[in-house]
Amino acid sequence: MSPKHEYPVLTREERNDLARYAAKKGPRKWKQSLQAAWERGMPLTPEFPTLYALRNSHGNEWLRSVKASDFSQPAKFPDLPPAPPKAELTWKDGPNETLVAEGKTSDGKTAVMAIVDREHEGRFFRVSKLASSDGSLKNEWGEPLMTKGLEAMKETVALQVSQKAYEEKIQRFPSTTPGVPERSPWGKVQNAEVLKLDDLTGEAAITYVSTAGHGGFMLSRNAASQVPPVLRNSPRGTTYEQDADWCRVALSFPECFTPHDLSKAEETLRNYDPDTWQAYYGRELQPGQSRTLDERNFLAAHKDDYIVTSAVRSDDYPGMVAVFAAPGGDRNLGQSRFLVPGDEYSDRPSFGFVIDTDRHMTPEEYEASMTQPENTSDFEP
């Protein structure tokens, strides 16, 4: 018997359109009607905007296998991860301009849970030591905490202390576990940590690997089949790099990650791949909730406007920034040069600076405006 084909998970909008279409056409005719629309190669009416695309993503075999009742109930989408817990800490001044955080250990005793060094005239901070849940301090010497202000630093450290306590509760397996890969898409494996064993073979099912240049998660075939289809990054879905795709593994196997990891995974997927986020959670993202989606909307809104592609402070035009800009920010469409006041350019939006051709001049226009004589007469010539 051939394995059952797995189709992409339907979004909430697709399920709603299918339910309304089946109700409109009737239980006996809706499939025949939808298939006929697909064969004509014409999109359906605006009343059902998502149904024509199902022709390519799901197809006739899927259509024959489904029932109208499959769409009559709301889809069971996963809940968003809760906000990660924070450790309750009390802060004191320590020696050598350090800050010391005290908190409760796992047995309820008060102990030093973190020591933070000040850096760069107090602007940045760095965690030099972080305690385990039993209160034993360990050297950290992590990257500087690029937080804005003292309170933001304290909140970050409270999350780190709580994260460490949860990490101690999650079982990990050594790199000598059978099934740990020797090579990866990113090169020869130098270090490996097994997060989960295969229920059938006892070998490594989920392994985090690092190489000389990169790293990520490698899954056995059995583990890869357990990743929800909507979260897979490829049909096989056995490798997930560490910068962004790791979130797909975390959301698929929450028992292997801390609450802090899961919250970060949801945030990463939302900002990095908003389309998958919406399909997975069955919710529609609003402006300001996803950086990638906001950038996409920004570029769509300004596809015909000049968007700055490069900029440099100009010695020839004091106080101005010399910029190159292209329609929609696409250099392939040709670039033009403009001058923008430095203060205005410093406050540019995140996704690009849009040239206002009524105000921002080319260097030639700027020079011409500076050489025009002023009219000092009170009367018309």
Protein backbone atom coordinates (compact mmCIF):
# COMPACT_ATOMS: atom_id res chain seq x y z
CA MET A 1 0.00 0.00 0.00
CA SER A 2 1.44 3.34 -1.00
CA PRO A 3 1.87 5.91 1.81
CA LYS A 4 -0.85 8.51 2.20
CA HIS A 5 0.09 11.78 0.55
CA GLU A 6 0.44 14.72 2.93
CA TYR A 7 -0.88 18.03 1.62
CA PRO A 8 -0.10 21.51 2.94
CA VAL A 9 -2.19 22.50 5.93
CA LEU A 10 -5.12 24.68 4.93
CA THR A 11 -5.18 28.20 6.26
CA ARG A 12 -8.21 29.52 8.07
CA GLU A 13 -9.14 31.61 5.02
CA GLU A 14 -8.97 28.55 2.73
CA ARG A 15 -11.12 26.48 5.09
CA ASN A 16 -13.69 29.26 5.34
CA ASP A 17 -13.85 29.69 1.56
CA LEU A 18 -14.27 25.94 1.06
CA ALA A 19 -17.04 25.77 3.64
CA ARG A 20 -18.93 28.67 2.04
CA TYR A 21 -18.40 27.32 -1.48
CA ALA A 22 -19.70 23.85 -0.53
CA ALA A 23 -22.72 25.42 1.15
CA LYS A 24 -23.47 27.55 -1.92
CA LYS A 25 -23.10 24.78 -4.52
CA GLY A 26 -24.62 21.98 -2.45
CA PRO A 27 -23.16 18.77 -1.01
CA ARG A 28 -23.42 16.84 -4.30
CA LYS A 29 -22.16 19.45 -6.75
CA TRP A 30 -19.49 21.51 -5.01
CA LYS A 31 -16.55 19.25 -5.94
CA GLN A 32 -17.66 18.94 -9.56
CA SER A 33 -18.14 22.69 -9.79
CA LEU A 34 -14.76 23.50 -8.24
CA GLN A 35 -12.94 21.00 -10.46
CA ALA A 36 -14.64 22.48 -13.55
CA ALA A 37 -13.46 25.95 -12.52
CA TRP A 38 -9.91 24.63 -12.15
CA GLU A 39 -10.03 22.98 -15.59
CA ARG A 40 -11.21 26.21 -17.21
CA GLY A 41 -8.11 27.88 -15.86
CA MET A 42 -10.08 30.86 -14.64
CA PRO A 43 -9.99 32.21 -11.08
CA LEU A 44 -13.23 31.98 -9.15
CA THR A 45 -15.32 34.99 -8.25
CA PRO A 46 -13.89 37.42 -5.66
CA GLU A 47 -16.29 35.81 -3.18
CA PHE A 48 -13.87 32.85 -2.89
CA PRO A 49 -10.39 34.36 -3.36
CA THR A 50 -8.32 31.42 -2.11
CA LEU A 51 -9.86 28.47 -3.95
CA TYR A 52 -8.17 28.71 -7.35
CA ALA A 53 -4.69 28.49 -5.82
CA LEU A 54 -5.67 25.12 -4.28
CA ARG A 55 -5.54 23.70 -7.80
CA ASN A 56 -1.72 23.90 -7.71
CA SER A 57 -1.08 23.39 -4.01
CA HIS A 58 -3.51 20.46 -3.49
CA GLY A 59 -4.99 19.31 -6.81
CA ASN A 60 -7.71 16.94 -8.02
CA GLU A 61 -6.64 13.90 -6.00
CA TRP A 62 -6.96 15.89 -2.80
CA LEU A 63 -10.33 17.29 -3.92
CA ARG A 64 -11.69 13.77 -4.45
CA SER A 65 -10.57 12.69 -0.97
CA VAL A 66 -12.08 15.51 1.12
CA LYS A 67 -15.58 16.03 2.47
CA ALA A 68 -17.53 19.22 3.03
CA SER A 69 -17.83 18.24 6.68
CA ASP A 70 -14.04 18.56 6.98
CA PHE A 71 -14.44 22.32 6.77
CA SER A 72 -17.63 22.82 8.76
CA GLN A 73 -15.78 23.01 12.08
CA PRO A 74 -13.13 25.61 12.89
CA ALA A 75 -9.57 24.36 12.36
CA LYS A 76 -7.70 23.39 15.49
CA PHE A 77 -4.72 25.68 15.34
CA PRO A 78 -2.05 25.70 18.07
CA ASP A 79 -2.05 28.34 20.76
CA LEU A 80 0.66 30.98 20.84
CA PRO A 81 3.44 30.20 23.33
CA PRO A 82 2.95 32.01 26.65
CA ALA A 83 5.33 34.77 27.68
CA PRO A 84 8.49 33.21 29.14
CA PRO A 85 8.82 33.37 32.93
CA LYS A 86 11.31 35.71 34.59
CA ALA A 87 13.31 35.05 37.74
CA GLU A 88 12.58 37.32 40.69
CA LEU A 89 15.86 39.08 41.43
CA THR A 90 17.08 41.69 43.89
CA TRP A 91 19.87 43.94 42.64
CA LYS A 92 22.81 45.32 44.62
CA ASP A 93 26.03 47.17 43.83
CA GLY A 94 29.01 44.84 43.76
CA PRO A 95 32.79 45.34 43.78
CA ASN A 96 34.65 46.82 40.81
CA GLU A 97 31.54 48.56 39.44
CA THR A 98 29.63 45.30 39.03
CA LEU A 99 25.95 44.70 39.69
CA VAL A 100 24.91 41.64 41.68
CA ALA A 101 21.52 39.92 41.37
CA GLU A 102 20.23 37.74 44.20
CA GLY A 103 17.40 35.25 43.87
CA LYS A 104 16.04 31.96 45.13
CA THR A 105 17.72 28.62 44.41
CA SER A 106 15.78 25.44 43.67
CA ASP A 107 15.71 24.60 47.39
CA GLY A 108 14.42 28.06 48.34
CA LYS A 109 17.66 29.58 49.62
CA THR A 110 18.81 33.11 48.76
CA ALA A 111 21.97 33.19 46.63
CA VAL A 112 23.79 35.30 44.08
CA MET A 113 22.27 34.34 40.73
CA ALA A 114 24.14 36.69 38.40
CA ILE A 115 27.06 39.13 38.30
CA VAL A 116 26.97 41.79 35.62
CA ASP A 117 29.91 43.95 34.50
CA ARG A 118 29.48 47.52 33.31
CA GLU A 119 31.09 48.42 30.01
CA HIS A 120 31.70 51.53 27.94
CA GLU A 121 30.97 54.10 30.61
CA GLY A 122 27.95 52.20 31.88
CA ARG A 123 26.15 52.17 28.54
CA PHE A 124 26.36 48.41 28.00
CA PHE A 125 26.46 45.47 30.35
CA ARG A 126 27.85 41.93 30.16
CA VAL A 127 26.94 38.92 32.25
CA SER A 128 30.21 37.59 33.66
CA LYS A 129 28.69 34.87 35.87
CA LEU A 130 25.34 33.13 35.92
CA ALA A 131 24.14 30.67 38.54
CA SER A 132 22.58 27.26 38.12
CA SER A 133 19.34 26.59 39.95
CA ASP A 134 21.35 25.33 42.96
CA GLY A 135 23.14 28.68 43.22
CA SER A 136 26.54 27.59 41.88
CA LEU A 137 28.00 30.44 39.85
CA LYS A 138 29.59 29.67 36.50
CA ASN A 139 31.62 31.92 34.24
CA GLU A 140 29.66 33.20 31.24
CA TRP A 141 31.53 36.10 29.61
CA GLY A 142 28.87 36.39 26.98
CA GLU A 143 28.38 39.10 24.41
CA PRO A 144 27.54 42.56 25.73
CA LEU A 145 23.85 43.04 26.45
CA MET A 146 22.95 45.71 23.92
CA THR A 147 20.03 46.91 25.99
CA LYS A 148 18.86 50.47 26.38
CA GLY A 149 19.14 51.37 30.02
CA LEU A 150 19.45 49.70 33.38
CA GLU A 151 15.90 48.37 33.62
CA ALA A 152 16.11 46.67 30.23
CA MET A 153 19.34 44.98 31.32
CA LYS A 154 17.72 43.69 34.53
CA GLU A 155 14.80 42.25 32.57
CA THR A 156 17.17 40.47 30.18
CA VAL A 157 19.17 38.93 33.02
CA ALA A 158 15.96 37.82 34.78
CA LEU A 159 15.04 35.94 31.61
CA GLN A 160 18.52 34.41 31.35
CA VAL A 161 18.48 33.15 34.95
CA SER A 162 15.04 31.61 34.41
CA GLN A 163 16.15 30.13 31.08
CA LYS A 164 19.12 28.42 32.73
CA ALA A 165 16.88 26.84 35.37
CA TYR A 166 14.63 25.38 32.68
CA GLU A 167 17.58 24.14 30.63
CA GLU A 168 18.69 21.99 33.55
CA LYS A 169 15.35 20.17 33.49
CA ILE A 170 15.57 19.13 29.83
CA GLN A 171 17.45 15.94 29.10
CA ARG A 172 20.23 15.99 26.55
CA PHE A 173 22.22 13.07 25.13
CA PRO A 174 25.96 12.92 24.31
CA SER A 175 27.52 13.23 20.88
CA THR A 176 28.50 9.54 21.06
CA THR A 177 24.83 8.55 20.69
CA PRO A 178 24.34 6.21 17.71
CA GLY A 179 22.97 7.99 14.66
CA VAL A 180 24.75 11.31 15.22
CA PRO A 181 25.76 12.56 11.74
CA GLU A 182 29.39 13.15 10.86
CA ARG A 183 28.68 15.58 8.04
CA SER A 184 26.05 18.25 7.51
CA PRO A 185 24.95 20.66 4.76
CA TRP A 186 27.21 23.22 6.49
CA GLY A 187 30.34 21.06 6.52
CA LYS A 188 32.00 18.51 8.75
CA VAL A 189 30.36 18.24 12.17
CA GLN A 190 32.66 19.46 14.94
CA ASN A 191 30.24 19.43 17.88
CA ALA A 192 26.90 17.72 18.37
CA GLU A 193 24.19 17.59 21.02
CA VAL A 194 21.27 15.16 20.82
CA LEU A 195 17.92 16.57 21.90
CA LYS A 196 15.70 13.56 21.27
CA LEU A 197 16.05 9.82 20.65
CA ASP A 198 14.11 7.94 18.03
CA ASP A 199 11.22 6.03 19.61
CA LEU A 200 11.74 3.08 17.26
CA THR A 201 15.53 2.71 16.99
CA GLY A 202 16.86 4.50 20.07
CA GLU A 203 19.27 6.42 17.84
CA ALA A 204 19.58 10.19 17.56
CA ALA A 205 16.35 11.68 16.23
CA ILE A 206 17.05 15.42 16.67
CA THR A 207 20.66 16.58 16.78
CA TYR A 208 22.03 20.09 16.98
CA VAL A 209 25.34 20.24 15.10
CA SER A 210 27.93 22.96 14.66
CA THR A 211 30.66 23.24 12.06
CA ALA A 212 33.54 25.59 11.36
CA GLY A 213 31.20 28.07 9.71
CA HIS A 214 27.58 27.40 10.62
CA GLY A 215 25.21 24.90 12.19
CA GLY A 216 21.67 23.80 12.75
CA PHE A 217 19.38 20.88 13.50
CA MET A 218 19.49 17.54 11.73
CA LEU A 219 16.51 15.20 12.01
CA SER A 220 16.12 11.51 11.36
CA ARG A 221 13.54 10.54 8.75
CA ASN A 222 11.12 9.45 11.47
CA ALA A 223 11.50 12.77 13.32
CA ALA A 224 11.20 14.75 10.07
CA SER A 225 7.86 13.07 9.35
CA GLN A 226 6.54 14.42 12.67
CA VAL A 227 7.15 18.06 11.69
CA PRO A 228 3.79 19.57 10.66
CA PRO A 229 3.76 19.87 6.86
CA VAL A 230 3.20 23.61 7.03
CA LEU A 231 6.43 24.04 9.01
CA ARG A 232 8.69 21.95 6.78
CA ASN A 233 11.29 23.84 4.82
CA SER A 234 11.48 21.17 2.10
CA PRO A 235 9.65 17.96 1.14
CA ARG A 236 12.12 15.87 3.16
CA GLY A 237 12.60 18.45 5.88
CA THR A 238 15.58 16.82 7.61
CA THR A 239 17.91 19.84 8.04
CA TYR A 240 17.12 23.24 9.57
CA GLU A 241 19.81 25.93 9.82
CA GLN A 242 20.39 27.76 13.08
CA ASP A 243 19.65 31.38 12.14
CA ALA A 244 15.96 31.17 11.30
CA ASP A 245 14.78 27.68 10.38
CA TRP A 246 15.56 26.36 13.88
CA CYS A 247 12.21 27.79 14.98
CA ARG A 248 10.40 25.16 12.90
CA VAL A 249 12.07 22.41 14.92
CA ALA A 250 11.33 24.08 18.25
CA LEU A 251 7.64 24.55 17.47
CA SER A 252 7.38 20.95 16.24
CA PHE A 253 9.02 19.44 19.33
CA PRO A 254 8.22 21.80 22.23
CA GLU A 255 9.14 19.18 24.83
CA CYS A 256 12.80 19.57 23.80
CA PHE A 257 12.94 23.34 24.38
CA THR A 258 12.42 25.82 27.21
CA PRO A 259 9.51 28.30 27.38
CA HIS A 260 12.02 31.01 26.50
CA ASP A 261 13.09 29.10 23.36
CA LEU A 262 9.48 28.58 22.28
CA SER A 263 8.62 32.25 22.71
CA LYS A 264 11.68 33.18 20.63
CA ALA A 265 10.77 30.54 18.04
CA GLU A 266 7.30 32.03 17.56
CA GLU A 267 8.81 35.51 17.26
CA THR A 268 11.41 34.28 14.75
CA LEU A 269 8.84 32.56 12.53
CA ARG A 270 6.54 35.59 12.69
CA ASN A 271 9.25 38.01 11.59
CA TYR A 272 11.11 35.71 9.20
CA ASP A 273 8.27 33.80 7.47
CA PRO A 274 4.92 35.50 8.17
CA ASP A 275 3.05 33.44 5.55
CA THR A 276 3.94 30.19 7.31
CA TRP A 277 3.15 31.78 10.69
CA GLN A 278 -0.35 32.71 9.52
CA ALA A 279 -0.98 29.26 8.06
CA TYR A 280 0.34 27.50 11.18
CA TYR A 281 -1.48 29.58 13.79
CA GLY A 282 -4.56 30.34 11.67
CA ARG A 283 -4.37 34.04 12.45
CA GLU A 284 -3.87 37.14 10.36
CA LEU A 285 -0.94 39.34 11.24
CA GLN A 286 -1.55 43.05 11.63
CA PRO A 287 0.79 45.91 10.67
CA GLY A 288 3.64 46.14 13.14
CA GLN A 289 3.60 42.44 14.10
CA SER A 290 6.05 41.08 11.50
CA ARG A 291 9.12 42.83 10.17
CA THR A 292 9.13 40.88 6.89
CA LEU A 293 5.44 41.53 6.30
CA ASP A 294 5.83 45.22 7.11
CA GLU A 295 8.76 45.47 4.70
CA ARG A 296 6.76 43.70 2.01
CA ASN A 297 3.86 46.10 2.47
CA PHE A 298 6.22 49.08 2.47
CA LEU A 299 7.81 48.06 -0.83
CA ALA A 300 4.40 47.37 -2.39
CA ALA A 301 3.14 50.79 -1.33
CA HIS A 302 6.24 52.50 -2.79
CA LYS A 303 6.91 50.33 -5.86
CA ASP A 304 6.77 53.39 -8.10
CA ASP A 305 8.62 55.74 -5.75
CA TYR A 306 12.35 56.32 -5.55
CA ILE A 307 13.80 54.45 -2.56
CA VAL A 308 17.38 55.08 -1.45
CA THR A 309 19.81 52.26 -2.25
CA SER A 310 23.04 53.86 -0.97
CA ALA A 311 24.06 57.05 0.81
CA VAL A 312 27.15 58.99 1.86
CA ARG A 313 27.83 62.24 3.69
CA SER A 314 28.74 64.85 1.12
CA ASP A 315 31.76 67.16 1.48
CA ASP A 316 30.66 69.05 -1.62
CA TYR A 317 27.25 69.86 -0.14
CA PRO A 318 27.63 70.60 3.62
CA GLY A 319 24.76 69.38 5.75
CA MET A 320 23.45 67.17 2.98
CA VAL A 321 23.55 63.42 2.32
CA ALA A 322 24.19 62.34 -1.26
CA VAL A 323 22.05 59.33 -2.10
CA PHE A 324 21.35 57.00 -5.00
CA ALA A 325 17.73 55.93 -5.34
CA ALA A 326 15.87 53.57 -7.65
CA PRO A 327 12.18 52.89 -8.34
CA GLY A 328 10.96 50.52 -5.67
CA GLY A 329 14.56 50.24 -4.45
CA ASP A 330 15.42 48.02 -7.45
CA ARG A 331 18.86 48.93 -8.79
CA ASN A 332 18.13 47.04 -12.01
CA LEU A 333 15.60 49.71 -12.93
CA GLY A 334 18.26 52.42 -12.95
CA GLN A 335 19.36 54.83 -10.24
CA SER A 336 19.23 58.58 -9.84
CA ARG A 337 21.18 60.84 -7.50
CA PHE A 338 19.53 63.14 -4.96
CA LEU A 339 20.54 65.33 -2.03
CA VAL A 340 18.75 64.93 1.31
CA PRO A 341 19.21 67.08 4.44
CA GLY A 342 21.33 65.18 6.92
CA ASP A 343 18.94 65.59 9.85
CA GLU A 344 16.03 64.30 7.78
CA TYR A 345 17.97 61.28 6.56
CA SER A 346 19.07 60.40 10.11
CA ASP A 347 15.41 59.86 11.05
CA ARG A 348 14.71 57.56 8.08
CA PRO A 349 12.26 54.64 8.45
CA SER A 350 13.45 51.08 8.98
CA PHE A 351 12.73 49.81 5.48
CA GLY A 352 14.13 52.62 3.40
CA PHE A 353 14.06 56.32 2.72
CA VAL A 354 11.53 57.44 0.10
CA ILE A 355 12.54 60.37 -2.07
CA ASP A 356 10.03 63.20 -2.33
CA THR A 357 10.74 64.53 -5.80
CA ASP A 358 8.91 67.75 -4.96
CA ARG A 359 11.40 68.52 -2.17
CA HIS A 360 14.56 66.47 -2.66
CA MET A 361 16.67 67.81 -5.47
CA THR A 362 19.32 66.35 -7.72
CA PRO A 363 22.80 67.89 -7.34
CA GLU A 364 22.21 69.88 -10.54
CA GLU A 365 18.90 71.25 -9.26
CA TYR A 366 20.48 72.05 -5.90
CA GLU A 367 23.36 73.96 -7.48
CA ALA A 368 20.97 75.86 -9.72
CA SER A 369 18.86 76.88 -6.74
CA MET A 370 21.95 78.17 -4.90
CA THR A 371 23.09 80.34 -7.81
CA GLN A 372 19.77 82.03 -8.54
CA PRO A 373 19.93 85.75 -7.60
CA GLU A 374 17.63 86.90 -4.85
CA ASN A 375 14.92 89.43 -5.73
CA THR A 376 15.42 92.28 -3.23
CA SER A 377 12.94 94.65 -4.84
CA ASP A 378 9.59 95.31 -3.22
CA PHE A 379 8.06 95.97 -6.66
CA GLU A 380 7.46 93.89 -9.72
CA PRO A 381 10.05 94.63 -12.41
